[in-house]
Amino acid sequence: MEIKLPPIPDKDYFNMGETSRITQVPSHTLRYWESHVGDLRPARRTSGHRRYSRSNLEIIFQIKDFIERRKMTIEGARRALSEQRHGSRPAQGGAEDVAAGVPATTLKVLREVRKELDSIISELK
């Protein structure tokens, strides 16, 4: 699902105050998210001040969505972002097959096929 982003000023980089104002997330929360979410790494100026890029703002909006709307923990949001980056679907807790709309039997068959393919690949090596 796509998150509707508010208008972002036409700039390449934003300081902490601007980022906090645009995303409606307090600066102390942004710093906390930086320490717990590996995907959120703003550049630093030589003075040590953070410079958030547009992609950083998009990540912040995703984290905010995971935490506020989807009621995930910061760890769950970190995992979901990581899985999105690697092409997997975000974790939905224990009910992954229900959330994706894929029957459990189909997932079981797909896992078996994958195991068979992995064994064939290892035999060919």
PDB file of N, CA and C in Angstrom:
ATOM      1  N   MET A   1       0.847  -1.173   0.000  1.00  0.00           N
ATOM      2  CA  MET A   1       0.000   0.000   0.000  1.00  0.00           C
ATOM      3  C   MET A   1       0.892   1.235   0.000  1.00  0.00           C
ATOM      4  N   GLU A   2       0.542   2.188  -0.833  1.00  0.00           N
ATOM      5  CA  GLU A   2       1.320   3.420  -0.973  1.00  0.00           C
ATOM      6  C   GLU A   2       0.873   4.433   0.082  1.00  0.00           C
ATOM      7  N   ILE A   3       1.835   5.101   0.698  1.00  0.00           N
ATOM      8  CA  ILE A   3       1.545   6.129   1.693  1.00  0.00           C
ATOM      9  C   ILE A   3       1.438   7.460   0.973  1.00  0.00           C
ATOM     10  N   LYS A   4       0.392   8.228   1.260  1.00  0.00           N
ATOM     11  CA  LYS A   4       0.242   9.552   0.660  1.00  0.00           C
ATOM     12  C   LYS A   4       1.102  10.525   1.455  1.00  0.00           C
ATOM     13  N   LEU A   5       2.103  11.081   0.789  1.00  0.00           N
ATOM     14  CA  LEU A   5       3.034  12.001   1.442  1.00  0.00           C
ATOM     15  C   LEU A   5       2.524  13.428   1.346  1.00  0.00           C
ATOM     16  N   PRO A   6       2.711  14.213   2.409  1.00  0.00           N
ATOM     17  CA  PRO A   6       2.356  15.629   2.325  1.00  0.00           C
ATOM     18  C   PRO A   6       3.338  16.338   1.402  1.00  0.00           C
ATOM     19  N   PRO A   7       3.011  17.548   0.977  1.00  0.00           N
ATOM     20  CA  PRO A   7       3.941  18.261   0.087  1.00  0.00           C
ATOM     21  C   PRO A   7       5.294  18.482   0.769  1.00  0.00           C
ATOM     22  N   ILE A   8       6.340  18.155   0.028  1.00  0.00           N
ATOM     23  CA  ILE A   8       7.703  18.324   0.531  1.00  0.00           C
ATOM     24  C   ILE A   8       8.335  19.462  -0.260  1.00  0.00           C
ATOM     25  N   PRO A   9       8.928  20.457   0.417  1.00  0.00           N
ATOM     26  CA  PRO A   9       9.559  21.574  -0.288  1.00  0.00           C
ATOM     27  C   PRO A   9      10.574  21.089  -1.317  1.00  0.00           C
ATOM     28  N   ASP A  10      10.756  21.881  -2.348  1.00  0.00           N
ATOM     29  CA  ASP A  10      11.652  21.524  -3.452  1.00  0.00           C
ATOM     30  C   ASP A  10      13.110  21.789  -3.065  1.00  0.00           C
ATOM     31  N   LYS A  11      13.639  20.921  -2.206  1.00  0.00           N
ATOM     32  CA  LYS A  11      15.028  21.009  -1.754  1.00  0.00           C
ATOM     33  C   LYS A  11      15.603  19.603  -1.757  1.00  0.00           C
ATOM     34  N   ASP A  12      16.925  19.524  -1.804  1.00  0.00           N
ATOM     35  CA  ASP A  12      17.575  18.214  -1.765  1.00  0.00           C
ATOM     36  C   ASP A  12      17.790  17.730  -0.333  1.00  0.00           C
ATOM     37  N   TYR A  13      18.116  18.642   0.569  1.00  0.00           N
ATOM     38  CA  TYR A  13      18.416  18.280   1.947  1.00  0.00           C
ATOM     39  C   TYR A  13      17.660  19.168   2.917  1.00  0.00           C
ATOM     40  N   PHE A  14      17.388  18.607   4.105  1.00  0.00           N
ATOM     41  CA  PHE A  14      16.640  19.310   5.141  1.00  0.00           C
ATOM     42  C   PHE A  14      17.374  19.145   6.465  1.00  0.00           C
ATOM     43  N   ASN A  15      17.347  20.206   7.283  1.00  0.00           N
ATOM     44  CA  ASN A  15      17.970  20.089   8.599  1.00  0.00           C
ATOM     45  C   ASN A  15      16.981  19.426   9.557  1.00  0.00           C
ATOM     46  N   MET A  16      17.396  19.208  10.794  1.00  0.00           N
ATOM     47  CA  MET A  16      16.569  18.499  11.780  1.00  0.00           C
ATOM     48  C   MET A  16      15.247  19.210  12.022  1.00  0.00           C
ATOM     49  N   GLY A  17      15.269  20.517  12.171  1.00  0.00           N
ATOM     50  CA  GLY A  17      14.040  21.267  12.442  1.00  0.00           C
ATOM     51  C   GLY A  17      13.049  21.182  11.291  1.00  0.00           C
ATOM     52  N   GLU A  18      13.550  21.338  10.073  1.00  0.00           N
ATOM     53  CA  GLU A  18      12.673  21.241   8.895  1.00  0.00           C
ATOM     54  C   GLU A  18      12.080  19.843   8.773  1.00  0.00           C
ATOM     55  N   THR A  19      12.909  18.850   8.989  1.00  0.00           N
ATOM     56  CA  THR A  19      12.448  17.470   8.897  1.00  0.00           C
ATOM     57  C   THR A  19      11.382  17.185   9.942  1.00  0.00           C
ATOM     58  N   SER A  20      11.605  17.661  11.143  1.00  0.00           N
ATOM     59  CA  SER A  20      10.647  17.475  12.225  1.00  0.00           C
ATOM     60  C   SER A  20       9.319  18.154  11.896  1.00  0.00           C
ATOM     61  N   ARG A  21       9.385  19.356  11.349  1.00  0.00           N
ATOM     62  CA  ARG A  21       8.172  20.102  10.986  1.00  0.00           C
ATOM     63  C   ARG A  21       7.410  19.422   9.844  1.00  0.00           C
ATOM     64  N   ILE A  22       8.132  18.980   8.809  1.00  0.00           N
ATOM     65  CA  ILE A  22       7.497  18.362   7.641  1.00  0.00           C
ATOM     66  C   ILE A  22       6.843  17.032   8.006  1.00  0.00           C
ATOM     67  N   THR A  23       7.550  16.216   8.780  1.00  0.00           N
ATOM     68  CA  THR A  23       7.055  14.875   9.101  1.00  0.00           C
ATOM     69  C   THR A  23       6.151  14.841  10.329  1.00  0.00           C
ATOM     70  N   GLN A  24       6.106  15.939  11.068  1.00  0.00           N
ATOM     71  CA  GLN A  24       5.321  16.003  12.305  1.00  0.00           C
ATOM     72  C   GLN A  24       5.801  14.956  13.322  1.00  0.00           C
ATOM     73  N   VAL A  25       7.123  14.776  13.377  1.00  0.00           N
ATOM     74  CA  VAL A  25       7.748  13.854  14.316  1.00  0.00           C
ATOM     75  C   VAL A  25       8.772  14.660  15.111  1.00  0.00           C
ATOM     76  N   PRO A  26       8.719  14.614  16.446  1.00  0.00           N
ATOM     77  CA  PRO A  26       9.680  15.379  17.251  1.00  0.00           C
ATOM     78  C   PRO A  26      11.122  14.966  16.954  1.00  0.00           C
ATOM     79  N   SER A  27      12.038  15.920  17.117  1.00  0.00           N
ATOM     80  CA  SER A  27      13.444  15.660  16.792  1.00  0.00           C
ATOM     81  C   SER A  27      14.033  14.553  17.660  1.00  0.00           C
ATOM     82  N   HIS A  28      13.616  14.472  18.929  1.00  0.00           N
ATOM     83  CA  HIS A  28      14.160  13.404  19.781  1.00  0.00           C
ATOM     84  C   HIS A  28      13.702  12.030  19.293  1.00  0.00           C
ATOM     85  N   THR A  29      12.513  11.963  18.715  1.00  0.00           N
ATOM     86  CA  THR A  29      12.006  10.711  18.162  1.00  0.00           C
ATOM     87  C   THR A  29      12.784  10.343  16.894  1.00  0.00           C
ATOM     88  N   LEU A  30      13.091  11.345  16.071  1.00  0.00           N
ATOM     89  CA  LEU A  30      13.890  11.090  14.870  1.00  0.00           C
ATOM     90  C   LEU A  30      15.260  10.509  15.248  1.00  0.00           C
ATOM     91  N   ARG A  31      15.885  11.078  16.268  1.00  0.00           N
ATOM     92  CA  ARG A  31      17.195  10.574  16.704  1.00  0.00           C
ATOM     93  C   ARG A  31      17.076   9.141  17.226  1.00  0.00           C
ATOM     94  N   TYR A  32      15.984   8.854  17.948  1.00  0.00           N
ATOM     95  CA  TYR A  32      15.748   7.501  18.458  1.00  0.00           C
ATOM     96  C   TYR A  32      15.571   6.524  17.296  1.00  0.00           C
ATOM     97  N   TRP A  33      14.778   6.899  16.304  1.00  0.00           N
ATOM     98  CA  TRP A  33      14.566   6.035  15.140  1.00  0.00           C
ATOM     99  C   TRP A  33      15.869   5.788  14.398  1.00  0.00           C
ATOM    100  N   GLU A  34      16.711   6.809  14.296  1.00  0.00           N
ATOM    101  CA  GLU A  34      18.011   6.642  13.636  1.00  0.00           C
ATOM    102  C   GLU A  34      18.836   5.555  14.316  1.00  0.00           C
ATOM    103  N   SER A  35      18.775   5.515  15.641  1.00  0.00           N
ATOM    104  CA  SER A  35      19.593   4.545  16.376  1.00  0.00           C
ATOM    105  C   SER A  35      19.021   3.133  16.304  1.00  0.00           C
ATOM    106  N   HIS A  36      17.734   3.005  15.968  1.00  0.00           N
ATOM    107  CA  HIS A  36      17.102   1.686  15.954  1.00  0.00           C
ATOM    108  C   HIS A  36      16.726   1.171  14.568  1.00  0.00           C
ATOM    109  N   VAL A  37      16.706   2.024  13.571  1.00  0.00           N
ATOM    110  CA  VAL A  37      16.331   1.607  12.217  1.00  0.00           C
ATOM    111  C   VAL A  37      17.525   1.845  11.305  1.00  0.00           C
ATOM    112  N   GLY A  38      18.107   0.774  10.805  1.00  0.00           N
ATOM    113  CA  GLY A  38      19.330   0.865  10.005  1.00  0.00           C
ATOM    114  C   GLY A  38      19.162   1.607   8.691  1.00  0.00           C
ATOM    115  N   ASP A  39      17.931   1.617   8.142  1.00  0.00           N
ATOM    116  CA  ASP A  39      17.711   2.282   6.856  1.00  0.00           C
ATOM    117  C   ASP A  39      17.723   3.800   6.969  1.00  0.00           C
ATOM    118  N   LEU A  40      17.528   4.322   8.153  1.00  0.00           N
ATOM    119  CA  LEU A  40      17.463   5.771   8.355  1.00  0.00           C
ATOM    120  C   LEU A  40      18.830   6.283   8.811  1.00  0.00           C
ATOM    121  N   ARG A  41      19.618   6.746   7.857  1.00  0.00           N
ATOM    122  CA  ARG A  41      20.956   7.266   8.125  1.00  0.00           C
ATOM    123  C   ARG A  41      21.149   8.593   7.404  1.00  0.00           C
ATOM    124  N   PRO A  42      20.802   9.714   8.049  1.00  0.00           N
ATOM    125  CA  PRO A  42      21.013  11.005   7.391  1.00  0.00           C
ATOM    126  C   PRO A  42      22.499  11.318   7.286  1.00  0.00           C
ATOM    127  N   ALA A  43      22.840  12.075   6.255  1.00  0.00           N
ATOM    128  CA  ALA A  43      24.228  12.516   6.081  1.00  0.00           C
ATOM    129  C   ALA A  43      24.559  13.516   7.182  1.00  0.00           C
ATOM    130  N   ARG A  44      25.822  13.668   7.452  1.00  0.00           N
ATOM    131  CA  ARG A  44      26.263  14.645   8.455  1.00  0.00           C
ATOM    132  C   ARG A  44      27.118  15.702   7.787  1.00  0.00           C
ATOM    133  N   ARG A  45      26.919  16.943   8.202  1.00  0.00           N
ATOM    134  CA  ARG A  45      27.799  18.021   7.755  1.00  0.00           C
ATOM    135  C   ARG A  45      29.098  17.934   8.551  1.00  0.00           C
ATOM    136  N   THR A  46      30.068  18.693   8.143  1.00  0.00           N
ATOM    137  CA  THR A  46      31.334  18.682   8.882  1.00  0.00           C
ATOM    138  C   THR A  46      31.139  19.170  10.311  1.00  0.00           C
ATOM    139  N   SER A  47      30.111  19.984  10.515  1.00  0.00           N
ATOM    140  CA  SER A  47      29.815  20.473  11.862  1.00  0.00           C
ATOM    141  C   SER A  47      29.080  19.432  12.700  1.00  0.00           C
ATOM    142  N   GLY A  48      28.666  18.317  12.079  1.00  0.00           N
ATOM    143  CA  GLY A  48      27.980  17.264  12.822  1.00  0.00           C
ATOM    144  C   GLY A  48      26.469  17.325  12.711  1.00  0.00           C
ATOM    145  N   HIS A  49      25.941  18.395  12.111  1.00  0.00           N
ATOM    146  CA  HIS A  49      24.489  18.515  11.963  1.00  0.00           C
ATOM    147  C   HIS A  49      23.973  17.523  10.925  1.00  0.00           C
ATOM    148  N   ARG A  50      22.774  17.023  11.178  1.00  0.00           N
ATOM    149  CA  ARG A  50      22.185  16.052  10.269  1.00  0.00           C
ATOM    150  C   ARG A  50      21.626  16.734   9.027  1.00  0.00           C
ATOM    151  N   ARG A  51      21.760  16.043   7.884  1.00  0.00           N
ATOM    152  CA  ARG A  51      21.168  16.506   6.624  1.00  0.00           C
ATOM    153  C   ARG A  51      20.300  15.373   6.094  1.00  0.00           C
ATOM    154  N   TYR A  52      18.986  15.553   6.197  1.00  0.00           N
ATOM    155  CA  TYR A  52      18.043  14.527   5.744  1.00  0.00           C
ATOM    156  C   TYR A  52      17.739  14.729   4.264  1.00  0.00           C
ATOM    157  N   SER A  53      17.818  13.660   3.486  1.00  0.00           N
ATOM    158  CA  SER A  53      17.483  13.722   2.063  1.00  0.00           C
ATOM    159  C   SER A  53      15.993  13.420   1.889  1.00  0.00           C
ATOM    160  N   ARG A  54      15.524  13.571   0.674  1.00  0.00           N
ATOM    161  CA  ARG A  54      14.122  13.251   0.379  1.00  0.00           C
ATOM    162  C   ARG A  54      13.843  11.775   0.672  1.00  0.00           C
ATOM    163  N   SER A  55      14.786  10.901   0.345  1.00  0.00           N
ATOM    164  CA  SER A  55      14.572   9.474   0.623  1.00  0.00           C
ATOM    165  C   SER A  55      14.514   9.213   2.131  1.00  0.00           C
ATOM    166  N   ASN A  56      15.288   9.983   2.918  1.00  0.00           N
ATOM    167  CA  ASN A  56      15.188   9.872   4.375  1.00  0.00           C
ATOM    168  C   ASN A  56      13.800  10.257   4.853  1.00  0.00           C
ATOM    169  N   LEU A  57      13.228  11.317   4.270  1.00  0.00           N
ATOM    170  CA  LEU A  57      11.882  11.734   4.646  1.00  0.00           C
ATOM    171  C   LEU A  57      10.856  10.656   4.317  1.00  0.00           C
ATOM    172  N   GLU A  58      11.018  10.010   3.166  1.00  0.00           N
ATOM    173  CA  GLU A  58      10.099   8.932   2.801  1.00  0.00           C
ATOM    174  C   GLU A  58      10.196   7.777   3.789  1.00  0.00           C
ATOM    175  N   ILE A  59      11.411   7.453   4.226  1.00  0.00           N
ATOM    176  CA  ILE A  59      11.594   6.394   5.222  1.00  0.00           C
ATOM    177  C   ILE A  59      10.930   6.789   6.532  1.00  0.00           C
ATOM    178  N   ILE A  60      11.076   8.054   6.927  1.00  0.00           N
ATOM    179  CA  ILE A  60      10.451   8.526   8.166  1.00  0.00           C
ATOM    180  C   ILE A  60       8.936   8.393   8.070  1.00  0.00           C
ATOM    181  N   PHE A  61       8.361   8.768   6.927  1.00  0.00           N
ATOM    182  CA  PHE A  61       6.911   8.626   6.758  1.00  0.00           C
ATOM    183  C   PHE A  61       6.497   7.156   6.816  1.00  0.00           C
ATOM    184  N   GLN A  62       7.314   6.256   6.272  1.00  0.00           N
ATOM    185  CA  GLN A  62       6.992   4.831   6.345  1.00  0.00           C
ATOM    186  C   GLN A  62       7.041   4.339   7.791  1.00  0.00           C
ATOM    187  N   ILE A  63       8.083   4.718   8.519  1.00  0.00           N
ATOM    188  CA  ILE A  63       8.197   4.312   9.919  1.00  0.00           C
ATOM    189  C   ILE A  63       7.002   4.837  10.704  1.00  0.00           C
ATOM    190  N   LYS A  64       6.659   6.087  10.477  1.00  0.00           N
ATOM    191  CA  LYS A  64       5.530   6.698  11.167  1.00  0.00           C
ATOM    192  C   LYS A  64       4.243   5.931  10.863  1.00  0.00           C
ATOM    193  N   ASP A  65       4.063   5.531   9.605  1.00  0.00           N
ATOM    194  CA  ASP A  65       2.888   4.759   9.214  1.00  0.00           C
ATOM    195  C   ASP A  65       2.872   3.401   9.912  1.00  0.00           C
ATOM    196  N   PHE A  66       4.008   2.713   9.926  1.00  0.00           N
ATOM    197  CA  PHE A  66       4.081   1.410  10.575  1.00  0.00           C
ATOM    198  C   PHE A  66       3.744   1.510  12.060  1.00  0.00           C
ATOM    199  N   ILE A  67       4.260   2.539  12.709  1.00  0.00           N
ATOM    200  CA  ILE A  67       4.089   2.653  14.157  1.00  0.00           C
ATOM    201  C   ILE A  67       2.704   3.180  14.526  1.00  0.00           C
ATOM    202  N   GLU A  68       2.252   4.241  13.869  1.00  0.00           N
ATOM    203  CA  GLU A  68       0.994   4.870  14.264  1.00  0.00           C
ATOM    204  C   GLU A  68      -0.235   4.176  13.683  1.00  0.00           C
ATOM    205  N   ARG A  69      -0.226   3.884  12.372  1.00  0.00           N
ATOM    206  CA  ARG A  69      -1.424   3.332  11.746  1.00  0.00           C
ATOM    207  C   ARG A  69      -1.500   1.812  11.871  1.00  0.00           C
ATOM    208  N   ARG A  70      -0.360   1.153  11.671  1.00  0.00           N
ATOM    209  CA  ARG A  70      -0.350  -0.306  11.710  1.00  0.00           C
ATOM    210  C   ARG A  70      -0.045  -0.872  13.093  1.00  0.00           C
ATOM    211  N   LYS A  71       0.237   0.027  14.050  1.00  0.00           N
ATOM    212  CA  LYS A  71       0.458  -0.340  15.455  1.00  0.00           C
ATOM    213  C   LYS A  71       1.619  -1.321  15.649  1.00  0.00           C
ATOM    214  N   MET A  72       2.689  -1.127  14.873  1.00  0.00           N
ATOM    215  CA  MET A  72       3.886  -1.959  15.029  1.00  0.00           C
ATOM    216  C   MET A  72       4.812  -1.344  16.079  1.00  0.00           C
ATOM    217  N   THR A  73       5.703  -2.171  16.584  1.00  0.00           N
ATOM    218  CA  THR A  73       6.764  -1.664  17.449  1.00  0.00           C
ATOM    219  C   THR A  73       7.869  -1.120  16.554  1.00  0.00           C
ATOM    220  N   ILE A  74       8.852  -0.466  17.139  1.00  0.00           N
ATOM    221  CA  ILE A  74       9.969   0.050  16.352  1.00  0.00           C
ATOM    222  C   ILE A  74      10.746  -1.115  15.728  1.00  0.00           C
ATOM    223  N   GLU A  75      10.840  -2.218  16.443  1.00  0.00           N
ATOM    224  CA  GLU A  75      11.511  -3.403  15.907  1.00  0.00           C
ATOM    225  C   GLU A  75      10.732  -3.981  14.718  1.00  0.00           C
ATOM    226  N   GLY A  76       9.421  -4.024  14.828  1.00  0.00           N
ATOM    227  CA  GLY A  76       8.591  -4.500  13.726  1.00  0.00           C
ATOM    228  C   GLY A  76       8.711  -3.596  12.511  1.00  0.00           C
ATOM    229  N   ALA A  77       8.754  -2.291  12.739  1.00  0.00           N
ATOM    230  CA  ALA A  77       8.911  -1.334  11.642  1.00  0.00           C
ATOM    231  C   ALA A  77      10.275  -1.501  10.982  1.00  0.00           C
ATOM    232  N   ARG A  78      11.308  -1.736  11.778  1.00  0.00           N
ATOM    233  CA  ARG A  78      12.651  -1.955  11.234  1.00  0.00           C
ATOM    234  C   ARG A  78      12.667  -3.184  10.344  1.00  0.00           C
ATOM    235  N   ARG A  79      12.050  -4.274  10.829  1.00  0.00           N
ATOM    236  CA  ARG A  79      11.998  -5.507  10.047  1.00  0.00           C
ATOM    237  C   ARG A  79      11.209  -5.321   8.754  1.00  0.00           C
ATOM    238  N   ALA A  80      10.077  -4.625   8.853  1.00  0.00           N
ATOM    239  CA  ALA A  80       9.238  -4.404   7.676  1.00  0.00           C
ATOM    240  C   ALA A  80       9.983  -3.580   6.625  1.00  0.00           C
ATOM    241  N   LEU A  81      10.699  -2.552   7.042  1.00  0.00           N
ATOM    242  CA  LEU A  81      11.488  -1.747   6.104  1.00  0.00           C
ATOM    243  C   LEU A  81      12.590  -2.585   5.464  1.00  0.00           C
ATOM    244  N   SER A  82      13.242  -3.401   6.266  1.00  0.00           N
ATOM    245  CA  SER A  82      14.313  -4.247   5.754  1.00  0.00           C
ATOM    246  C   SER A  82      13.765  -5.236   4.729  1.00  0.00           C
ATOM    247  N   GLU A  83      12.616  -5.834   5.013  1.00  0.00           N
ATOM    248  CA  GLU A  83      12.015  -6.791   4.089  1.00  0.00           C
ATOM    249  C   GLU A  83      11.547  -6.102   2.812  1.00  0.00           C
ATOM    250  N   GLN A  84      11.042  -4.880   2.919  1.00  0.00           N
ATOM    251  CA  GLN A  84      10.646  -4.139   1.721  1.00  0.00           C
ATOM    252  C   GLN A  84      11.857  -3.867   0.845  1.00  0.00           C
ATOM    253  N   ARG A  85      12.965  -3.512   1.464  1.00  0.00           N
ATOM    254  CA  ARG A  85      14.183  -3.203   0.727  1.00  0.00           C
ATOM    255  C   ARG A  85      14.707  -4.431  -0.002  1.00  0.00           C
ATOM    256  N   HIS A  86      14.534  -5.613   0.592  1.00  0.00           N
ATOM    257  CA  HIS A  86      15.024  -6.844  -0.014  1.00  0.00           C
ATOM    258  C   HIS A  86      13.975  -7.521  -0.894  1.00  0.00           C
ATOM    259  N   GLY A  87      12.862  -6.865  -1.146  1.00  0.00           N
ATOM    260  CA  GLY A  87      11.867  -7.398  -2.070  1.00  0.00           C
ATOM    261  C   GLY A  87      10.838  -8.316  -1.455  1.00  0.00           C
ATOM    262  N   SER A  88      10.888  -8.560  -0.173  1.00  0.00           N
ATOM    263  CA  SER A  88       9.878  -9.382   0.483  1.00  0.00           C
ATOM    264  C   SER A  88       8.725  -8.497   0.910  1.00  0.00           C
ATOM    265  N   ARG A  89       7.632  -9.122   1.234  1.00  0.00           N
ATOM    266  CA  ARG A  89       6.530  -8.303   1.739  1.00  0.00           C
ATOM    267  C   ARG A  89       6.764  -8.035   3.223  1.00  0.00           C
ATOM    268  N   PRO A  90       6.234  -6.924   3.766  1.00  0.00           N
ATOM    269  CA  PRO A  90       6.450  -6.588   5.165  1.00  0.00           C
ATOM    270  C   PRO A  90       5.863  -7.633   6.098  1.00  0.00           C
ATOM    271  N   ALA A  91       6.516  -7.812   7.230  1.00  0.00           N
ATOM    272  CA  ALA A  91       6.012  -8.760   8.220  1.00  0.00           C
ATOM    273  C   ALA A  91       4.706  -8.257   8.801  1.00  0.00           C
ATOM    274  N   GLN A  92       3.777  -9.167   8.983  1.00  0.00           N
ATOM    275  CA  GLN A  92       2.462  -8.809   9.522  1.00  0.00           C
ATOM    276  C   GLN A  92       2.182  -9.589  10.794  1.00  0.00           C
ATOM    277  N   GLY A  93       3.202  -9.938  11.529  1.00  0.00           N
ATOM    278  CA  GLY A  93       3.004 -10.737  12.717  1.00  0.00           C
ATOM    279  C   GLY A  93       2.919 -12.199  12.346  1.00  0.00           C
ATOM    280  N   GLY A  94       2.099 -12.967  13.069  1.00  0.00           N
ATOM    281  CA  GLY A  94       1.994 -14.392  12.826  1.00  0.00           C
ATOM    282  C   GLY A  94       1.068 -14.761  11.695  1.00  0.00           C
ATOM    283  N   ALA A  95       0.238 -13.876  11.232  1.00  0.00           N
ATOM    284  CA  ALA A  95      -0.768 -14.196  10.227  1.00  0.00           C
ATOM    285  C   ALA A  95      -0.337 -13.756   8.843  1.00  0.00           C
ATOM    286  N   GLU A  96       0.882 -14.144   8.423  1.00  0.00           N
ATOM    287  CA  GLU A  96       1.396 -13.670   7.146  1.00  0.00           C
ATOM    288  C   GLU A  96       0.579 -14.142   5.968  1.00  0.00           C
ATOM    289  N   ASP A  97       0.052 -15.375   6.020  1.00  0.00           N
ATOM    290  CA  ASP A  97      -0.716 -15.879   4.888  1.00  0.00           C
ATOM    291  C   ASP A  97      -2.074 -15.207   4.788  1.00  0.00           C
ATOM    292  N   VAL A  98      -2.685 -14.879   5.900  1.00  0.00           N
ATOM    293  CA  VAL A  98      -3.970 -14.191   5.882  1.00  0.00           C
ATOM    294  C   VAL A  98      -3.799 -12.759   5.390  1.00  0.00           C
ATOM    295  N   ALA A  99      -2.737 -12.083   5.855  1.00  0.00           N
ATOM    296  CA  ALA A  99      -2.503 -10.691   5.473  1.00  0.00           C
ATOM    297  C   ALA A  99      -2.240 -10.562   3.982  1.00  0.00           C
ATOM    298  N   ALA A 100      -1.562 -11.516   3.399  1.00  0.00           N
ATOM    299  CA  ALA A 100      -1.232 -11.438   1.984  1.00  0.00           C
ATOM    300  C   ALA A 100      -2.350 -11.976   1.107  1.00  0.00           C
ATOM    301  N   GLY A 101      -3.334 -12.658   1.703  1.00  0.00           N
ATOM    302  CA  GLY A 101      -4.417 -13.221   0.927  1.00  0.00           C
ATOM    303  C   GLY A 101      -4.027 -14.514   0.231  1.00  0.00           C
ATOM    304  N   VAL A 102      -2.929 -15.150   0.674  1.00  0.00           N
ATOM    305  CA  VAL A 102      -2.469 -16.397   0.075  1.00  0.00           C
ATOM    306  C   VAL A 102      -2.823 -17.535   1.026  1.00  0.00           C
ATOM    307  N   PRO A 103      -3.499 -18.558   0.529  1.00  0.00           N
ATOM    308  CA  PRO A 103      -3.853 -19.685   1.404  1.00  0.00           C
ATOM    309  C   PRO A 103      -2.615 -20.390   1.952  1.00  0.00           C
ATOM    310  N   ALA A 104      -2.741 -20.933   3.139  1.00  0.00           N
ATOM    311  CA  ALA A 104      -1.625 -21.607   3.799  1.00  0.00           C
ATOM    312  C   ALA A 104      -1.140 -22.805   2.984  1.00  0.00           C
ATOM    313  N   THR A 105      -2.050 -23.509   2.319  1.00  0.00           N
ATOM    314  CA  THR A 105      -1.643 -24.673   1.516  1.00  0.00           C
ATOM    315  C   THR A 105      -0.752 -24.252   0.350  1.00  0.00           C
ATOM    316  N   THR A 106      -1.064 -23.116  -0.255  1.00  0.00           N
ATOM    317  CA  THR A 106      -0.244 -22.609  -1.358  1.00  0.00           C
ATOM    318  C   THR A 106       1.154 -22.264  -0.866  1.00  0.00           C
ATOM    319  N   LEU A 107       1.230 -21.617   0.307  1.00  0.00           N
ATOM    320  CA  LEU A 107       2.537 -21.274   0.874  1.00  0.00           C
ATOM    321  C   LEU A 107       3.345 -22.531   1.167  1.00  0.00           C
ATOM    322  N   LYS A 108       2.677 -23.575   1.658  1.00  0.00           N
ATOM    323  CA  LYS A 108       3.367 -24.824   1.966  1.00  0.00           C
ATOM    324  C   LYS A 108       3.945 -25.441   0.699  1.00  0.00           C
ATOM    325  N   VAL A 109       3.155 -25.472  -0.362  1.00  0.00           N
ATOM    326  CA  VAL A 109       3.628 -26.016  -1.640  1.00  0.00           C
ATOM    327  C   VAL A 109       4.811 -25.205  -2.163  1.00  0.00           C
ATOM    328  N   LEU A 110       4.727 -23.890  -2.081  1.00  0.00           N
ATOM    329  CA  LEU A 110       5.819 -23.040  -2.551  1.00  0.00           C
ATOM    330  C   LEU A 110       7.102 -23.287  -1.762  1.00  0.00           C
ATOM    331  N   ARG A 111       6.971 -23.491  -0.456  1.00  0.00           N
ATOM    332  CA  ARG A 111       8.154 -23.786   0.366  1.00  0.00           C
ATOM    333  C   ARG A 111       8.785 -25.117  -0.043  1.00  0.00           C
ATOM    334  N   GLU A 112       7.941 -26.124  -0.318  1.00  0.00           N
ATOM    335  CA  GLU A 112       8.455 -27.422  -0.755  1.00  0.00           C
ATOM    336  C   GLU A 112       9.171 -27.309  -2.107  1.00  0.00           C
ATOM    337  N   VAL A 113       8.590 -26.551  -3.026  1.00  0.00           N
ATOM    338  CA  VAL A 113       9.212 -26.345  -4.334  1.00  0.00           C
ATOM    339  C   VAL A 113      10.562 -25.662  -4.170  1.00  0.00           C
ATOM    340  N   ARG A 114      10.608 -24.686  -3.293  1.00  0.00           N
ATOM    341  CA  ARG A 114      11.875 -23.988  -3.064  1.00  0.00           C
ATOM    342  C   ARG A 114      12.942 -24.931  -2.515  1.00  0.00           C
ATOM    343  N   LYS A 115      12.536 -25.796  -1.571  1.00  0.00           N
ATOM    344  CA  LYS A 115      13.485 -26.767  -1.018  1.00  0.00           C
ATOM    345  C   LYS A 115      14.013 -27.682  -2.118  1.00  0.00           C
ATOM    346  N   GLU A 116      13.124 -28.142  -2.983  1.00  0.00           N
ATOM    347  CA  GLU A 116      13.549 -29.014  -4.082  1.00  0.00           C
ATOM    348  C   GLU A 116      14.515 -28.291  -5.015  1.00  0.00           C
ATOM    349  N   LEU A 117      14.201 -27.047  -5.340  1.00  0.00           N
ATOM    350  CA  LEU A 117      15.080 -26.267  -6.206  1.00  0.00           C
ATOM    351  C   LEU A 117      16.448 -26.051  -5.567  1.00  0.00           C
ATOM    352  N   ASP A 118      16.454 -25.765  -4.270  1.00  0.00           N
ATOM    353  CA  ASP A 118      17.724 -25.590  -3.560  1.00  0.00           C
ATOM    354  C   ASP A 118      18.551 -26.874  -3.592  1.00  0.00           C
ATOM    355  N   SER A 119      17.884 -28.027  -3.428  1.00  0.00           N
ATOM    356  CA  SER A 119      18.622 -29.295  -3.454  1.00  0.00           C
ATOM    357  C   SER A 119      19.169 -29.571  -4.857  1.00  0.00           C
ATOM    358  N   ILE A 120      18.406 -29.248  -5.887  1.00  0.00           N
ATOM    359  CA  ILE A 120      18.882 -29.426  -7.280  1.00  0.00           C
ATOM    360  C   ILE A 120      20.089 -28.527  -7.536  1.00  0.00           C
ATOM    361  N   ILE A 121      20.013 -27.307  -7.091  1.00  0.00           N
ATOM    362  CA  ILE A 121      21.126 -26.365  -7.285  1.00  0.00           C
ATOM    363  C   ILE A 121      22.378 -26.869  -6.567  1.00  0.00           C
ATOM    364  N   SER A 122      22.209 -27.375  -5.353  1.00  0.00           N
ATOM    365  CA  SER A 122      23.377 -27.861  -4.614  1.00  0.00           C
ATOM    366  C   SER A 122      23.969 -29.108  -5.275  1.00  0.00           C
ATOM    367  N   GLU A 123      23.140 -29.946  -5.902  1.00  0.00           N
ATOM    368  CA  GLU A 123      23.648 -31.116  -6.617  1.00  0.00           C
ATOM    369  C   GLU A 123      24.408 -30.720  -7.875  1.00  0.00           C
ATOM    370  N   LEU A 124      23.983 -29.649  -8.522  1.00  0.00           N
ATOM    371  CA  LEU A 124      24.634 -29.201  -9.744  1.00  0.00           C
ATOM    372  C   LEU A 124      25.977 -28.531  -9.489  1.00  0.00           C
ATOM    373  N   LYS A 125      26.215 -28.083  -8.290  1.00  0.00           N
ATOM    374  CA  LYS A 125      27.474 -27.384  -7.989  1.00  0.00           C
ATOM    375  C   LYS A 125      28.640 -28.327  -7.899  1.00  0.00           C
TER     376      LYS A 125
END
